[in-house]
Amino acid sequence: MADCLRPSGDGVEIALHIQPGASRSELAGTHGDALKVRVQARAVEGAANDALLVFLAEALGLARKEVRILRGEKSRRKAVWAAIAPEEARRRLMGNH
């Protein structure tokens, strides 16, 4: 998990591999150097991206506006920024995993 979290400005950049259309939204371990996240929403008109950001904000204990996609909006591989220290993000995500 250490490889998927990097300090970025006032927060953390998280490398993600997304699996849309899952039976429920959840953390699902790692996929290479990325954190794997299954999201319930399908990849139609940004629904999976929205569901991902809501899920991550909740998992990290942040407001939705404190989490945003940096790269990969139309890809399964994404980089997401969150307004939280990398060490705290690791603690909160590992506690939910």
N, C-alpha and C. Protein backbone atom coordinates (compact mmCIF):
# COMPACT_ATOMS: atom_id res chain seq x y z
N MET A 1 0.82 -1.20 0.00
CA MET A 1 0.00 0.00 0.00
C MET A 1 0.86 1.26 0.00
N ALA A 2 2.07 1.17 0.49
CA ALA A 2 2.94 2.34 0.55
C ALA A 2 3.16 2.96 -0.82
N ASP A 3 3.27 2.14 -1.85
CA ASP A 3 3.52 2.65 -3.19
C ASP A 3 2.36 3.45 -3.77
N CYS A 4 1.16 3.21 -3.29
CA CYS A 4 -0.01 3.87 -3.89
C CYS A 4 -0.32 5.22 -3.25
N LEU A 5 0.37 5.60 -2.19
CA LEU A 5 0.14 6.88 -1.51
C LEU A 5 1.40 7.74 -1.59
N ARG A 6 1.25 8.96 -2.10
CA ARG A 6 2.39 9.89 -2.20
C ARG A 6 1.98 11.27 -1.71
N PRO A 7 2.85 11.94 -0.98
CA PRO A 7 2.55 13.32 -0.59
C PRO A 7 2.34 14.18 -1.84
N SER A 8 1.38 15.07 -1.79
CA SER A 8 1.09 15.94 -2.94
C SER A 8 0.48 17.24 -2.42
N GLY A 9 1.27 18.30 -2.43
CA GLY A 9 0.79 19.59 -1.94
C GLY A 9 0.36 19.48 -0.49
N ASP A 10 -0.86 19.90 -0.20
CA ASP A 10 -1.39 19.85 1.17
C ASP A 10 -2.14 18.55 1.45
N GLY A 11 -1.87 17.51 0.68
CA GLY A 11 -2.60 16.27 0.87
C GLY A 11 -1.83 15.07 0.38
N VAL A 12 -2.57 14.13 -0.18
CA VAL A 12 -1.98 12.87 -0.65
C VAL A 12 -2.54 12.54 -2.03
N GLU A 13 -1.68 11.99 -2.88
CA GLU A 13 -2.12 11.46 -4.17
C GLU A 13 -2.21 9.95 -4.02
N ILE A 14 -3.34 9.40 -4.42
CA ILE A 14 -3.58 7.97 -4.27
C ILE A 14 -3.72 7.36 -5.66
N ALA A 15 -2.89 6.35 -5.96
CA ALA A 15 -2.99 5.62 -7.22
C ALA A 15 -4.05 4.55 -7.04
N LEU A 16 -5.01 4.51 -7.96
CA LEU A 16 -6.14 3.59 -7.84
C LEU A 16 -6.35 2.77 -9.11
N HIS A 17 -6.85 1.57 -8.91
CA HIS A 17 -7.35 0.74 -10.00
C HIS A 17 -8.82 0.50 -9.66
N ILE A 18 -9.71 0.92 -10.57
CA ILE A 18 -11.15 0.89 -10.29
C ILE A 18 -11.83 -0.25 -11.01
N GLN A 19 -12.75 -0.90 -10.32
CA GLN A 19 -13.59 -1.93 -10.91
C GLN A 19 -15.04 -1.47 -10.78
N PRO A 20 -15.61 -0.87 -11.83
CA PRO A 20 -17.00 -0.41 -11.75
C PRO A 20 -17.98 -1.57 -11.88
N GLY A 21 -19.21 -1.33 -11.47
CA GLY A 21 -20.28 -2.31 -11.61
C GLY A 21 -20.19 -3.47 -10.62
N ALA A 22 -19.55 -3.25 -9.50
CA ALA A 22 -19.42 -4.30 -8.48
C ALA A 22 -20.73 -4.44 -7.69
N SER A 23 -20.85 -5.51 -6.94
CA SER A 23 -22.07 -5.71 -6.15
C SER A 23 -22.17 -4.70 -5.01
N ARG A 24 -21.00 -4.20 -4.55
CA ARG A 24 -20.99 -3.14 -3.54
C ARG A 24 -19.66 -2.39 -3.65
N SER A 25 -19.62 -1.18 -3.12
CA SER A 25 -18.39 -0.38 -3.13
C SER A 25 -17.53 -0.81 -1.96
N GLU A 26 -16.24 -1.08 -2.25
CA GLU A 26 -15.34 -1.55 -1.21
C GLU A 26 -13.89 -1.47 -1.66
N LEU A 27 -12.98 -1.44 -0.68
CA LEU A 27 -11.56 -1.58 -0.95
C LEU A 27 -11.31 -3.06 -1.20
N ALA A 28 -10.45 -3.35 -2.18
CA ALA A 28 -10.24 -4.75 -2.55
C ALA A 28 -8.75 -5.08 -2.67
N GLY A 29 -7.95 -4.58 -1.75
CA GLY A 29 -6.53 -4.88 -1.76
C GLY A 29 -5.76 -4.00 -2.72
N THR A 30 -4.73 -4.56 -3.32
CA THR A 30 -3.91 -3.80 -4.26
C THR A 30 -3.94 -4.46 -5.63
N HIS A 31 -3.57 -3.67 -6.62
CA HIS A 31 -3.45 -4.14 -8.00
C HIS A 31 -2.16 -3.52 -8.51
N GLY A 32 -1.07 -4.29 -8.46
CA GLY A 32 0.24 -3.72 -8.79
C GLY A 32 0.60 -2.67 -7.75
N ASP A 33 0.90 -1.46 -8.21
CA ASP A 33 1.25 -0.38 -7.28
C ASP A 33 0.08 0.54 -7.00
N ALA A 34 -1.15 0.04 -7.19
CA ALA A 34 -2.35 0.85 -6.98
C ALA A 34 -3.28 0.16 -5.97
N LEU A 35 -4.06 0.97 -5.29
CA LEU A 35 -5.10 0.47 -4.40
C LEU A 35 -6.30 0.12 -5.27
N LYS A 36 -6.82 -1.10 -5.12
CA LYS A 36 -7.96 -1.52 -5.93
C LYS A 36 -9.26 -1.17 -5.18
N VAL A 37 -10.16 -0.51 -5.91
CA VAL A 37 -11.45 -0.13 -5.34
C VAL A 37 -12.55 -0.63 -6.26
N ARG A 38 -13.48 -1.37 -5.70
CA ARG A 38 -14.68 -1.78 -6.44
C ARG A 38 -15.76 -0.75 -6.12
N VAL A 39 -16.43 -0.27 -7.18
CA VAL A 39 -17.54 0.67 -6.97
C VAL A 39 -18.81 0.06 -7.57
N GLN A 40 -19.89 0.29 -6.88
CA GLN A 40 -21.16 -0.29 -7.28
C GLN A 40 -21.68 0.33 -8.57
N ALA A 41 -21.45 1.61 -8.77
CA ALA A 41 -21.97 2.31 -9.95
C ALA A 41 -21.26 1.82 -11.21
N ARG A 42 -21.97 1.87 -12.32
CA ARG A 42 -21.39 1.50 -13.61
C ARG A 42 -20.67 2.70 -14.22
N ALA A 43 -19.78 2.44 -15.14
CA ALA A 43 -18.99 3.49 -15.79
C ALA A 43 -19.79 4.14 -16.91
N VAL A 44 -20.88 4.79 -16.54
CA VAL A 44 -21.75 5.46 -17.51
C VAL A 44 -21.93 6.91 -17.07
N GLU A 45 -21.59 7.84 -17.95
CA GLU A 45 -21.78 9.28 -17.70
C GLU A 45 -21.19 9.74 -16.37
N GLY A 46 -20.03 9.21 -16.02
CA GLY A 46 -19.34 9.66 -14.82
C GLY A 46 -19.87 9.11 -13.51
N ALA A 47 -20.84 8.19 -13.56
CA ALA A 47 -21.44 7.67 -12.33
C ALA A 47 -20.41 6.94 -11.47
N ALA A 48 -19.53 6.15 -12.09
CA ALA A 48 -18.53 5.41 -11.32
C ALA A 48 -17.53 6.38 -10.67
N ASN A 49 -17.15 7.44 -11.38
CA ASN A 49 -16.23 8.43 -10.80
C ASN A 49 -16.87 9.11 -9.60
N ASP A 50 -18.12 9.50 -9.73
CA ASP A 50 -18.82 10.15 -8.62
C ASP A 50 -18.91 9.20 -7.41
N ALA A 51 -19.26 7.94 -7.68
CA ALA A 51 -19.38 6.96 -6.60
C ALA A 51 -18.02 6.72 -5.95
N LEU A 52 -16.97 6.70 -6.75
CA LEU A 52 -15.62 6.52 -6.22
C LEU A 52 -15.25 7.65 -5.26
N LEU A 53 -15.50 8.88 -5.67
CA LEU A 53 -15.14 10.03 -4.84
C LEU A 53 -15.94 10.07 -3.55
N VAL A 54 -17.21 9.74 -3.62
CA VAL A 54 -18.04 9.68 -2.41
C VAL A 54 -17.53 8.58 -1.48
N PHE A 55 -17.22 7.41 -2.05
CA PHE A 55 -16.72 6.29 -1.25
C PHE A 55 -15.40 6.64 -0.58
N LEU A 56 -14.45 7.20 -1.34
CA LEU A 56 -13.15 7.56 -0.77
C LEU A 56 -13.27 8.64 0.31
N ALA A 57 -14.10 9.64 0.04
CA ALA A 57 -14.29 10.70 1.04
C ALA A 57 -14.81 10.10 2.35
N GLU A 58 -15.77 9.21 2.25
CA GLU A 58 -16.32 8.57 3.44
C GLU A 58 -15.27 7.71 4.13
N ALA A 59 -14.52 6.92 3.37
CA ALA A 59 -13.49 6.05 3.94
C ALA A 59 -12.40 6.85 4.64
N LEU A 60 -12.10 8.04 4.11
CA LEU A 60 -11.05 8.88 4.68
C LEU A 60 -11.57 9.85 5.74
N GLY A 61 -12.89 9.92 5.91
CA GLY A 61 -13.47 10.84 6.88
C GLY A 61 -13.40 12.29 6.42
N LEU A 62 -13.49 12.50 5.11
CA LEU A 62 -13.41 13.84 4.53
C LEU A 62 -14.72 14.24 3.89
N ALA A 63 -14.86 15.53 3.63
CA ALA A 63 -16.00 16.01 2.85
C ALA A 63 -15.75 15.67 1.39
N ARG A 64 -16.79 15.47 0.63
CA ARG A 64 -16.67 15.11 -0.79
C ARG A 64 -15.81 16.12 -1.55
N LYS A 65 -15.89 17.39 -1.21
CA LYS A 65 -15.14 18.43 -1.92
C LYS A 65 -13.64 18.36 -1.63
N GLU A 66 -13.24 17.55 -0.65
CA GLU A 66 -11.82 17.42 -0.30
C GLU A 66 -11.13 16.27 -1.03
N VAL A 67 -11.84 15.67 -2.00
CA VAL A 67 -11.31 14.56 -2.78
C VAL A 67 -11.61 14.84 -4.25
N ARG A 68 -10.57 14.71 -5.12
CA ARG A 68 -10.82 14.97 -6.56
C ARG A 68 -9.91 14.11 -7.42
N ILE A 69 -10.37 13.85 -8.63
CA ILE A 69 -9.60 13.06 -9.59
C ILE A 69 -8.57 13.97 -10.25
N LEU A 70 -7.31 13.55 -10.22
CA LEU A 70 -6.23 14.30 -10.87
C LEU A 70 -6.03 13.83 -12.31
N ARG A 71 -6.00 12.51 -12.49
CA ARG A 71 -5.76 11.91 -13.81
C ARG A 71 -6.58 10.64 -13.95
N GLY A 72 -6.95 10.33 -15.20
CA GLY A 72 -7.59 9.06 -15.49
C GLY A 72 -9.11 9.04 -15.39
N GLU A 73 -9.76 10.17 -15.65
CA GLU A 73 -11.22 10.20 -15.53
C GLU A 73 -11.92 9.14 -16.37
N LYS A 74 -11.35 8.79 -17.52
CA LYS A 74 -12.01 7.80 -18.40
C LYS A 74 -11.26 6.48 -18.42
N SER A 75 -10.50 6.21 -17.37
CA SER A 75 -9.69 5.01 -17.29
C SER A 75 -9.94 4.29 -15.98
N ARG A 76 -9.65 3.01 -15.95
CA ARG A 76 -9.73 2.27 -14.68
C ARG A 76 -8.60 2.68 -13.75
N ARG A 77 -7.50 3.12 -14.33
CA ARG A 77 -6.33 3.57 -13.57
C ARG A 77 -6.49 5.07 -13.32
N LYS A 78 -6.53 5.47 -12.06
CA LYS A 78 -6.77 6.87 -11.71
C LYS A 78 -5.78 7.34 -10.67
N ALA A 79 -5.57 8.63 -10.64
CA ALA A 79 -4.85 9.29 -9.55
C ALA A 79 -5.84 10.25 -8.90
N VAL A 80 -6.02 10.09 -7.61
CA VAL A 80 -6.97 10.91 -6.86
C VAL A 80 -6.20 11.66 -5.78
N TRP A 81 -6.55 12.93 -5.59
CA TRP A 81 -5.96 13.75 -4.53
C TRP A 81 -6.96 13.88 -3.40
N ALA A 82 -6.46 13.79 -2.17
CA ALA A 82 -7.30 13.98 -1.00
C ALA A 82 -6.61 14.90 -0.01
N ALA A 83 -7.38 15.72 0.65
CA ALA A 83 -6.86 16.71 1.61
C ALA A 83 -6.62 16.05 2.96
N ILE A 84 -5.60 15.19 3.00
CA ILE A 84 -5.26 14.47 4.22
C ILE A 84 -3.79 14.07 4.13
N ALA A 85 -3.13 14.01 5.26
CA ALA A 85 -1.72 13.60 5.27
C ALA A 85 -1.60 12.14 4.85
N PRO A 86 -0.54 11.79 4.12
CA PRO A 86 -0.37 10.40 3.66
C PRO A 86 -0.42 9.37 4.80
N GLU A 87 0.21 9.68 5.93
CA GLU A 87 0.21 8.73 7.04
C GLU A 87 -1.19 8.50 7.59
N GLU A 88 -1.97 9.58 7.67
CA GLU A 88 -3.35 9.47 8.16
C GLU A 88 -4.22 8.73 7.15
N ALA A 89 -4.02 9.00 5.86
CA ALA A 89 -4.78 8.29 4.81
C ALA A 89 -4.49 6.79 4.90
N ARG A 90 -3.23 6.43 5.06
CA ARG A 90 -2.84 5.02 5.17
C ARG A 90 -3.54 4.37 6.37
N ARG A 91 -3.51 5.07 7.50
CA ARG A 91 -4.14 4.54 8.71
C ARG A 91 -5.64 4.32 8.51
N ARG A 92 -6.31 5.32 7.95
CA ARG A 92 -7.77 5.22 7.77
C ARG A 92 -8.15 4.17 6.72
N LEU A 93 -7.39 4.08 5.64
CA LEU A 93 -7.71 3.10 4.61
C LEU A 93 -7.41 1.68 5.07
N MET A 94 -6.32 1.51 5.78
CA MET A 94 -5.98 0.17 6.29
C MET A 94 -6.96 -0.26 7.37
N GLY A 95 -7.48 0.70 8.14
CA GLY A 95 -8.47 0.38 9.15
C GLY A 95 -9.78 -0.07 8.53
N ASN A 96 -10.05 0.38 7.29
CA ASN A 96 -11.29 0.01 6.59
C ASN A 96 -11.09 -1.21 5.71
N HIS A 97 -9.89 -1.72 5.63
CA HIS A 97 -9.60 -2.81 4.70
C HIS A 97 -9.63 -4.15 5.40
